[in-house]
Amino acid sequence: MTNSYRASARVDFDHDAGRTGTYRTAPGDAASRISYADFAVALIDEIDSPHHHRTHIGVETR
């Protein structure tokens, strides 16, 4: 069985931010942002330890 999911930044990337080391998954919010580095970590974490299957998840900085 193939696990599939779709992840996206909840609204926009914070182009100037560095890695904070924290993120959370949640529904979209127009005020939320995430750095490219934190988004990459969220993707790798989900690949290494899948918690969401056949769904679309939103990711934002905590």
PDB file of N, CA and C in Angstrom:
ATOM      1  N   MET A   1       0.836  -1.167   0.000  1.00  0.00           N
ATOM      2  CA  MET A   1       0.000   0.000   0.000  1.00  0.00           C
ATOM      3  C   MET A   1       0.890   1.243   0.000  1.00  0.00           C
ATOM      4  N   THR A   2       0.541   2.214  -0.805  1.00  0.00           N
ATOM      5  CA  THR A   2       1.286   3.460  -0.880  1.00  0.00           C
ATOM      6  C   THR A   2       0.632   4.499   0.006  1.00  0.00           C
ATOM      7  N   ASN A   3       1.420   5.118   0.873  1.00  0.00           N
ATOM      8  CA  ASN A   3       0.912   6.221   1.678  1.00  0.00           C
ATOM      9  C   ASN A   3       1.019   7.494   0.858  1.00  0.00           C
ATOM     10  N   SER A   4      -0.024   8.261   0.837  1.00  0.00           N
ATOM     11  CA  SER A   4       0.045   9.530   0.129  1.00  0.00           C
ATOM     12  C   SER A   4      -0.561  10.620   0.984  1.00  0.00           C
ATOM     13  N   TYR A   5      -0.017  11.802   0.865  1.00  0.00           N
ATOM     14  CA  TYR A   5      -0.536  12.960   1.568  1.00  0.00           C
ATOM     15  C   TYR A   5      -0.105  14.189   0.788  1.00  0.00           C
ATOM     16  N   ARG A   6      -0.721  15.276   1.078  1.00  0.00           N
ATOM     17  CA  ARG A   6      -0.367  16.540   0.465  1.00  0.00           C
ATOM     18  C   ARG A   6      -0.159  17.534   1.587  1.00  0.00           C
ATOM     19  N   ALA A   7       0.965  18.205   1.590  1.00  0.00           N
ATOM     20  CA  ALA A   7       1.257  19.200   2.627  1.00  0.00           C
ATOM     21  C   ALA A   7       1.429  20.549   1.963  1.00  0.00           C
ATOM     22  N   SER A   8       0.966  21.579   2.630  1.00  0.00           N
ATOM     23  CA  SER A   8       1.151  22.930   2.121  1.00  0.00           C
ATOM     24  C   SER A   8       1.318  23.888   3.279  1.00  0.00           C
ATOM     25  N   ALA A   9       1.997  24.983   2.984  1.00  0.00           N
ATOM     26  CA  ALA A   9       2.057  26.054   3.977  1.00  0.00           C
ATOM     27  C   ALA A   9       0.624  26.532   4.152  1.00  0.00           C
ATOM     28  N   ARG A  10       0.240  26.859   5.364  1.00  0.00           N
ATOM     29  CA  ARG A  10      -1.157  27.203   5.611  1.00  0.00           C
ATOM     30  C   ARG A  10      -1.590  28.374   4.752  1.00  0.00           C
ATOM     31  N   VAL A  11      -0.748  29.360   4.563  1.00  0.00           N
ATOM     32  CA  VAL A  11      -1.093  30.469   3.687  1.00  0.00           C
ATOM     33  C   VAL A  11       0.115  30.944   2.890  1.00  0.00           C
ATOM     34  N   ASP A  12       1.186  31.317   3.561  1.00  0.00           N
ATOM     35  CA  ASP A  12       2.316  31.919   2.858  1.00  0.00           C
ATOM     36  C   ASP A  12       3.617  31.563   3.554  1.00  0.00           C
ATOM     37  N   PHE A  13       4.686  31.585   2.780  1.00  0.00           N
ATOM     38  CA  PHE A  13       6.007  31.392   3.360  1.00  0.00           C
ATOM     39  C   PHE A  13       6.530  32.723   3.871  1.00  0.00           C
ATOM     40  N   ASP A  14       7.248  32.665   4.978  1.00  0.00           N
ATOM     41  CA  ASP A  14       7.936  33.832   5.502  1.00  0.00           C
ATOM     42  C   ASP A  14       9.316  33.805   4.865  1.00  0.00           C
ATOM     43  N   HIS A  15       9.511  34.610   3.837  1.00  0.00           N
ATOM     44  CA  HIS A  15      10.715  34.552   3.011  1.00  0.00           C
ATOM     45  C   HIS A  15      11.981  34.948   3.753  1.00  0.00           C
ATOM     46  N   ASP A  16      11.864  35.731   4.814  1.00  0.00           N
ATOM     47  CA  ASP A  16      13.039  36.209   5.543  1.00  0.00           C
ATOM     48  C   ASP A  16      13.363  35.396   6.794  1.00  0.00           C
ATOM     49  N   ALA A  17      12.479  34.513   7.177  1.00  0.00           N
ATOM     50  CA  ALA A  17      12.664  33.759   8.424  1.00  0.00           C
ATOM     51  C   ALA A  17      13.607  32.581   8.219  1.00  0.00           C
ATOM     52  N   GLY A  18      14.321  32.263   9.271  1.00  0.00           N
ATOM     53  CA  GLY A  18      15.170  31.080   9.281  1.00  0.00           C
ATOM     54  C   GLY A  18      14.432  29.942   9.959  1.00  0.00           C
ATOM     55  N   ARG A  19      15.146  28.899  10.226  1.00  0.00           N
ATOM     56  CA  ARG A  19      14.548  27.733  10.880  1.00  0.00           C
ATOM     57  C   ARG A  19      14.300  28.024  12.354  1.00  0.00           C
ATOM     58  N   THR A  20      13.072  27.792  12.795  1.00  0.00           N
ATOM     59  CA  THR A  20      12.736  27.962  14.209  1.00  0.00           C
ATOM     60  C   THR A  20      12.795  26.627  14.938  1.00  0.00           C
ATOM     61  N   GLY A  21      12.643  25.543  14.196  1.00  0.00           N
ATOM     62  CA  GLY A  21      12.648  24.217  14.799  1.00  0.00           C
ATOM     63  C   GLY A  21      11.290  23.785  15.321  1.00  0.00           C
ATOM     64  N   THR A  22      10.282  24.641  15.149  1.00  0.00           N
ATOM     65  CA  THR A  22       8.938  24.279  15.598  1.00  0.00           C
ATOM     66  C   THR A  22       7.932  24.537  14.487  1.00  0.00           C
ATOM     67  N   TYR A  23       6.949  23.671  14.434  1.00  0.00           N
ATOM     68  CA  TYR A  23       5.854  23.827  13.483  1.00  0.00           C
ATOM     69  C   TYR A  23       4.669  23.039  14.018  1.00  0.00           C
ATOM     70  N   ARG A  24       3.511  23.261  13.425  1.00  0.00           N
ATOM     71  CA  ARG A  24       2.339  22.460  13.784  1.00  0.00           C
ATOM     72  C   ARG A  24       1.492  22.284  12.546  1.00  0.00           C
ATOM     73  N   THR A  25       0.682  21.249  12.544  1.00  0.00           N
ATOM     74  CA  THR A  25      -0.276  21.037  11.462  1.00  0.00           C
ATOM     75  C   THR A  25      -1.629  21.534  11.935  1.00  0.00           C
ATOM     76  N   ALA A  26      -2.347  22.195  11.031  1.00  0.00           N
ATOM     77  CA  ALA A  26      -3.635  22.785  11.396  1.00  0.00           C
ATOM     78  C   ALA A  26      -4.343  23.266  10.137  1.00  0.00           C
ATOM     79  N   PRO A  27      -5.633  23.567  10.236  1.00  0.00           N
ATOM     80  CA  PRO A  27      -6.352  24.144   9.100  1.00  0.00           C
ATOM     81  C   PRO A  27      -5.812  25.528   8.754  1.00  0.00           C
ATOM     82  N   GLY A  28      -6.122  26.036   7.578  1.00  0.00           N
ATOM     83  CA  GLY A  28      -5.608  27.314   7.103  1.00  0.00           C
ATOM     84  C   GLY A  28      -6.034  28.515   7.927  1.00  0.00           C
ATOM     85  N   ASP A  29      -5.133  29.490   7.990  1.00  0.00           N
ATOM     86  CA  ASP A  29      -5.393  30.756   8.678  1.00  0.00           C
ATOM     87  C   ASP A  29      -4.639  31.822   7.901  1.00  0.00           C
ATOM     88  N   ALA A  30      -5.323  32.858   7.455  1.00  0.00           N
ATOM     89  CA  ALA A  30      -4.727  33.885   6.605  1.00  0.00           C
ATOM     90  C   ALA A  30      -3.552  34.599   7.258  1.00  0.00           C
ATOM     91  N   ALA A  31      -3.454  34.594   8.572  1.00  0.00           N
ATOM     92  CA  ALA A  31      -2.381  35.315   9.258  1.00  0.00           C
ATOM     93  C   ALA A  31      -1.148  34.453   9.507  1.00  0.00           C
ATOM     94  N   SER A  32      -1.208  33.167   9.230  1.00  0.00           N
ATOM     95  CA  SER A  32      -0.086  32.289   9.583  1.00  0.00           C
ATOM     96  C   SER A  32       0.984  32.280   8.501  1.00  0.00           C
ATOM     97  N   ARG A  33       2.206  31.978   8.921  1.00  0.00           N
ATOM     98  CA  ARG A  33       3.356  31.896   8.032  1.00  0.00           C
ATOM     99  C   ARG A  33       4.250  30.749   8.490  1.00  0.00           C
ATOM    100  N   ILE A  34       5.153  30.326   7.592  1.00  0.00           N
ATOM    101  CA  ILE A  34       6.166  29.327   7.938  1.00  0.00           C
ATOM    102  C   ILE A  34       7.392  29.590   7.085  1.00  0.00           C
ATOM    103  N   SER A  35       8.568  29.324   7.649  1.00  0.00           N
ATOM    104  CA  SER A  35       9.804  29.485   6.879  1.00  0.00           C
ATOM    105  C   SER A  35       9.987  28.279   5.964  1.00  0.00           C
ATOM    106  N   TYR A  36      10.782  28.473   4.929  1.00  0.00           N
ATOM    107  CA  TYR A  36      11.072  27.359   4.031  1.00  0.00           C
ATOM    108  C   TYR A  36      11.735  26.211   4.789  1.00  0.00           C
ATOM    109  N   ALA A  37      12.648  26.554   5.706  1.00  0.00           N
ATOM    110  CA  ALA A  37      13.368  25.523   6.460  1.00  0.00           C
ATOM    111  C   ALA A  37      12.426  24.717   7.347  1.00  0.00           C
ATOM    112  N   ASP A  38      11.507  25.391   8.041  1.00  0.00           N
ATOM    113  CA  ASP A  38      10.567  24.666   8.897  1.00  0.00           C
ATOM    114  C   ASP A  38       9.608  23.814   8.072  1.00  0.00           C
ATOM    115  N   PHE A  39       9.218  24.297   6.907  1.00  0.00           N
ATOM    116  CA  PHE A  39       8.340  23.508   6.031  1.00  0.00           C
ATOM    117  C   PHE A  39       9.065  22.252   5.557  1.00  0.00           C
ATOM    118  N   ALA A  40      10.339  22.385   5.217  1.00  0.00           N
ATOM    119  CA  ALA A  40      11.128  21.222   4.787  1.00  0.00           C
ATOM    120  C   ALA A  40      11.240  20.199   5.909  1.00  0.00           C
ATOM    121  N   VAL A  41      11.472  20.661   7.137  1.00  0.00           N
ATOM    122  CA  VAL A  41      11.560  19.755   8.279  1.00  0.00           C
ATOM    123  C   VAL A  41      10.227  19.037   8.490  1.00  0.00           C
ATOM    124  N   ALA A  42       9.110  19.761   8.353  1.00  0.00           N
ATOM    125  CA  ALA A  42       7.793  19.144   8.506  1.00  0.00           C
ATOM    126  C   ALA A  42       7.582  18.037   7.479  1.00  0.00           C
ATOM    127  N   LEU A  43       7.999  18.265   6.242  1.00  0.00           N
ATOM    128  CA  LEU A  43       7.864  17.236   5.206  1.00  0.00           C
ATOM    129  C   LEU A  43       8.710  16.005   5.524  1.00  0.00           C
ATOM    130  N   ILE A  44       9.957  16.228   5.913  1.00  0.00           N
ATOM    131  CA  ILE A  44      10.840  15.102   6.238  1.00  0.00           C
ATOM    132  C   ILE A  44      10.311  14.337   7.448  1.00  0.00           C
ATOM    133  N   ASP A  45       9.831  15.055   8.466  1.00  0.00           N
ATOM    134  CA  ASP A  45       9.262  14.385   9.641  1.00  0.00           C
ATOM    135  C   ASP A  45       8.077  13.510   9.243  1.00  0.00           C
ATOM    136  N   GLU A  46       7.238  13.986   8.355  1.00  0.00           N
ATOM    137  CA  GLU A  46       6.065  13.207   7.933  1.00  0.00           C
ATOM    138  C   GLU A  46       6.482  11.992   7.109  1.00  0.00           C
ATOM    139  N   ILE A  47       7.531  12.133   6.324  1.00  0.00           N
ATOM    140  CA  ILE A  47       8.032  10.994   5.547  1.00  0.00           C
ATOM    141  C   ILE A  47       8.637   9.944   6.487  1.00  0.00           C
ATOM    142  N   ASP A  48       9.437  10.399   7.455  1.00  0.00           N
ATOM    143  CA  ASP A  48      10.084   9.482   8.394  1.00  0.00           C
ATOM    144  C   ASP A  48       9.095   8.799   9.340  1.00  0.00           C
ATOM    145  N   SER A  49       8.089   9.537   9.802  1.00  0.00           N
ATOM    146  CA  SER A  49       7.092   9.011  10.748  1.00  0.00           C
ATOM    147  C   SER A  49       5.705   9.466  10.320  1.00  0.00           C
ATOM    148  N   PRO A  50       5.110   8.765   9.358  1.00  0.00           N
ATOM    149  CA  PRO A  50       3.809   9.202   8.832  1.00  0.00           C
ATOM    150  C   PRO A  50       2.707   9.200   9.895  1.00  0.00           C
ATOM    151  N   HIS A  51       2.022  10.334  10.000  1.00  0.00           N
ATOM    152  CA  HIS A  51       0.884  10.458  10.902  1.00  0.00           C
ATOM    153  C   HIS A  51      -0.392  10.803  10.149  1.00  0.00           C
ATOM    154  N   HIS A  52      -0.258  11.216   8.895  1.00  0.00           N
ATOM    155  CA  HIS A  52      -1.411  11.637   8.098  1.00  0.00           C
ATOM    156  C   HIS A  52      -1.435  10.789   6.824  1.00  0.00           C
ATOM    157  N   HIS A  53      -2.543  10.151   6.576  1.00  0.00           N
ATOM    158  CA  HIS A  53      -2.658   9.261   5.425  1.00  0.00           C
ATOM    159  C   HIS A  53      -3.812   9.704   4.535  1.00  0.00           C
ATOM    160  N   ARG A  54      -3.511   9.832   3.254  1.00  0.00           N
ATOM    161  CA  ARG A  54      -4.526  10.185   2.263  1.00  0.00           C
ATOM    162  C   ARG A  54      -5.308  11.435   2.656  1.00  0.00           C
ATOM    163  N   THR A  55      -4.568  12.470   3.009  1.00  0.00           N
ATOM    164  CA  THR A  55      -5.194  13.719   3.438  1.00  0.00           C
ATOM    165  C   THR A  55      -4.317  14.906   3.057  1.00  0.00           C
ATOM    166  N   HIS A  56      -4.861  16.070   3.173  1.00  0.00           N
ATOM    167  CA  HIS A  56      -4.148  17.327   2.933  1.00  0.00           C
ATOM    168  C   HIS A  56      -3.935  17.986   4.284  1.00  0.00           C
ATOM    169  N   ILE A  57      -2.687  18.270   4.627  1.00  0.00           N
ATOM    170  CA  ILE A  57      -2.399  18.898   5.912  1.00  0.00           C
ATOM    171  C   ILE A  57      -1.828  20.291   5.698  1.00  0.00           C
ATOM    172  N   GLY A  58      -2.137  21.191   6.580  1.00  0.00           N
ATOM    173  CA  GLY A  58      -1.553  22.527   6.574  1.00  0.00           C
ATOM    174  C   GLY A  58      -0.455  22.575   7.626  1.00  0.00           C
ATOM    175  N   VAL A  59       0.598  23.358   7.343  1.00  0.00           N
ATOM    176  CA  VAL A  59       1.725  23.448   8.255  1.00  0.00           C
ATOM    177  C   VAL A  59       2.030  24.916   8.513  1.00  0.00           C
ATOM    178  N   GLU A  60       2.247  25.288   9.785  1.00  0.00           N
ATOM    179  CA  GLU A  60       2.594  26.657  10.133  1.00  0.00           C
ATOM    180  C   GLU A  60       3.617  26.660  11.257  1.00  0.00           C
ATOM    181  N   THR A  61       4.320  27.783  11.426  1.00  0.00           N
ATOM    182  CA  THR A  61       5.232  27.947  12.553  1.00  0.00           C
ATOM    183  C   THR A  61       4.423  28.097  13.823  1.00  0.00           C
ATOM    184  N   ARG A  62       4.879  27.480  14.896  1.00  0.00           N
ATOM    185  CA  ARG A  62       4.168  27.615  16.183  1.00  0.00           C
ATOM    186  C   ARG A  62       4.334  28.971  16.754  1.00  0.00           C
TER     187      ARG A  62
END
